[in-house]
Amino acid sequence: MTYVYILQSIENPERHYVGATSDLRARLQKHNAGEVSHTSKYLPWIIKTYLAFADEERAFAFEKYLKSASGRAFAKKRL
């Protein structure tokens, strides 16, 4: 299973991060430990939304979509 997730900063709720992983709990711990350079400035993080995909290729395609302008608009409105 591959998870596509959206994190939200607790200190800066307007800040979000989109990623994909096969171990969601471990990945969240890495984000909150400051081990991910893109998220280390806005600690701590909570999981806002996640989706599970059986197909890894589809998961990464959806992650890429969520990082696009139309994907960000979709996520803001629907997720």
Protein backbone atom coordinates (compact mmCIF):
# COMPACT_ATOMS: atom_id res chain seq x y z
CA MET A 1 0.00 0.00 0.00
CA THR A 2 1.25 3.48 -0.86
CA TYR A 3 -0.19 6.50 0.89
CA VAL A 4 -0.51 9.99 -0.54
CA TYR A 5 -0.83 12.45 2.32
CA ILE A 6 -1.40 16.12 3.02
CA LEU A 7 0.17 17.54 6.16
CA GLN A 8 -0.88 20.76 7.84
CA SER A 9 1.38 22.80 10.09
CA ILE A 10 -0.06 23.30 13.57
CA GLU A 11 1.80 26.58 14.10
CA ASN A 12 1.09 27.89 10.58
CA PRO A 13 -2.22 26.30 9.48
CA GLU A 14 -2.02 27.87 6.02
CA ARG A 15 1.10 25.76 5.34
CA HIS A 16 0.56 22.34 3.77
CA TYR A 17 2.84 19.64 2.43
CA VAL A 18 1.99 16.82 0.01
CA GLY A 19 3.94 13.58 -0.04
CA ALA A 20 3.78 9.84 -0.62
CA THR A 21 5.09 6.94 1.44
CA SER A 22 4.58 3.28 2.23
CA ASP A 23 4.83 3.91 6.02
CA LEU A 24 2.70 6.89 7.00
CA ARG A 25 3.45 6.86 10.73
CA ALA A 26 7.21 6.68 10.27
CA ARG A 27 7.10 9.44 7.64
CA LEU A 28 5.11 11.75 9.94
CA GLN A 29 7.68 11.14 12.69
CA LYS A 30 10.47 12.14 10.28
CA HIS A 31 8.63 15.33 9.36
CA ASN A 32 8.09 16.22 13.01
CA ALA A 33 11.69 15.38 13.94
CA GLY A 34 12.92 17.97 11.44
CA GLU A 35 14.53 15.34 9.20
CA VAL A 36 12.76 16.61 6.05
CA SER A 37 14.22 19.89 4.85
CA HIS A 38 11.03 21.09 3.14
CA THR A 39 8.98 20.82 6.33
CA SER A 40 11.49 21.53 9.09
CA LYS A 41 10.66 25.27 9.27
CA TYR A 42 6.98 24.78 10.11
CA LEU A 43 6.98 22.12 12.86
CA PRO A 44 4.92 20.42 14.16
CA TRP A 45 2.74 18.76 11.51
CA ILE A 46 -0.52 16.82 11.61
CA ILE A 47 -2.03 14.64 8.93
CA LYS A 48 -4.88 16.53 7.31
CA THR A 49 -5.79 13.89 4.70
CA TYR A 50 -4.40 10.65 3.36
CA LEU A 51 -5.43 8.23 0.63
CA ALA A 52 -4.26 4.64 0.25
CA PHE A 53 -3.39 3.24 -3.17
CA ALA A 54 -2.75 -0.40 -3.99
CA ASP A 55 -0.97 0.72 -7.17
CA GLU A 56 2.25 2.63 -6.41
CA GLU A 57 2.35 4.20 -9.88
CA ARG A 58 -1.13 5.68 -9.44
CA ALA A 59 -0.18 6.96 -5.98
CA PHE A 60 2.81 8.87 -7.33
CA ALA A 61 0.75 10.22 -10.22
CA PHE A 62 -1.86 11.50 -7.76
CA GLU A 63 0.86 13.05 -5.57
CA LYS A 64 2.23 14.84 -8.63
CA TYR A 65 -1.29 16.07 -9.47
CA LEU A 66 -1.82 17.43 -5.94
CA LYS A 67 1.40 19.42 -6.29
CA SER A 68 0.12 21.11 -9.46
CA ALA A 69 -1.95 24.31 -9.44
CA SER A 70 -5.20 22.50 -10.29
CA GLY A 71 -4.39 19.77 -7.76
CA ARG A 72 -3.84 22.35 -4.99
CA ALA A 73 -7.20 23.93 -5.86
CA PHE A 74 -8.84 20.48 -5.78
CA ALA A 75 -7.30 19.64 -2.42
CA LYS A 76 -8.29 22.99 -0.92
CA LYS A 77 -11.89 22.56 -2.02
CA ARG A 78 -12.40 18.81 -1.62
CA LEU A 79 -9.85 17.45 0.83
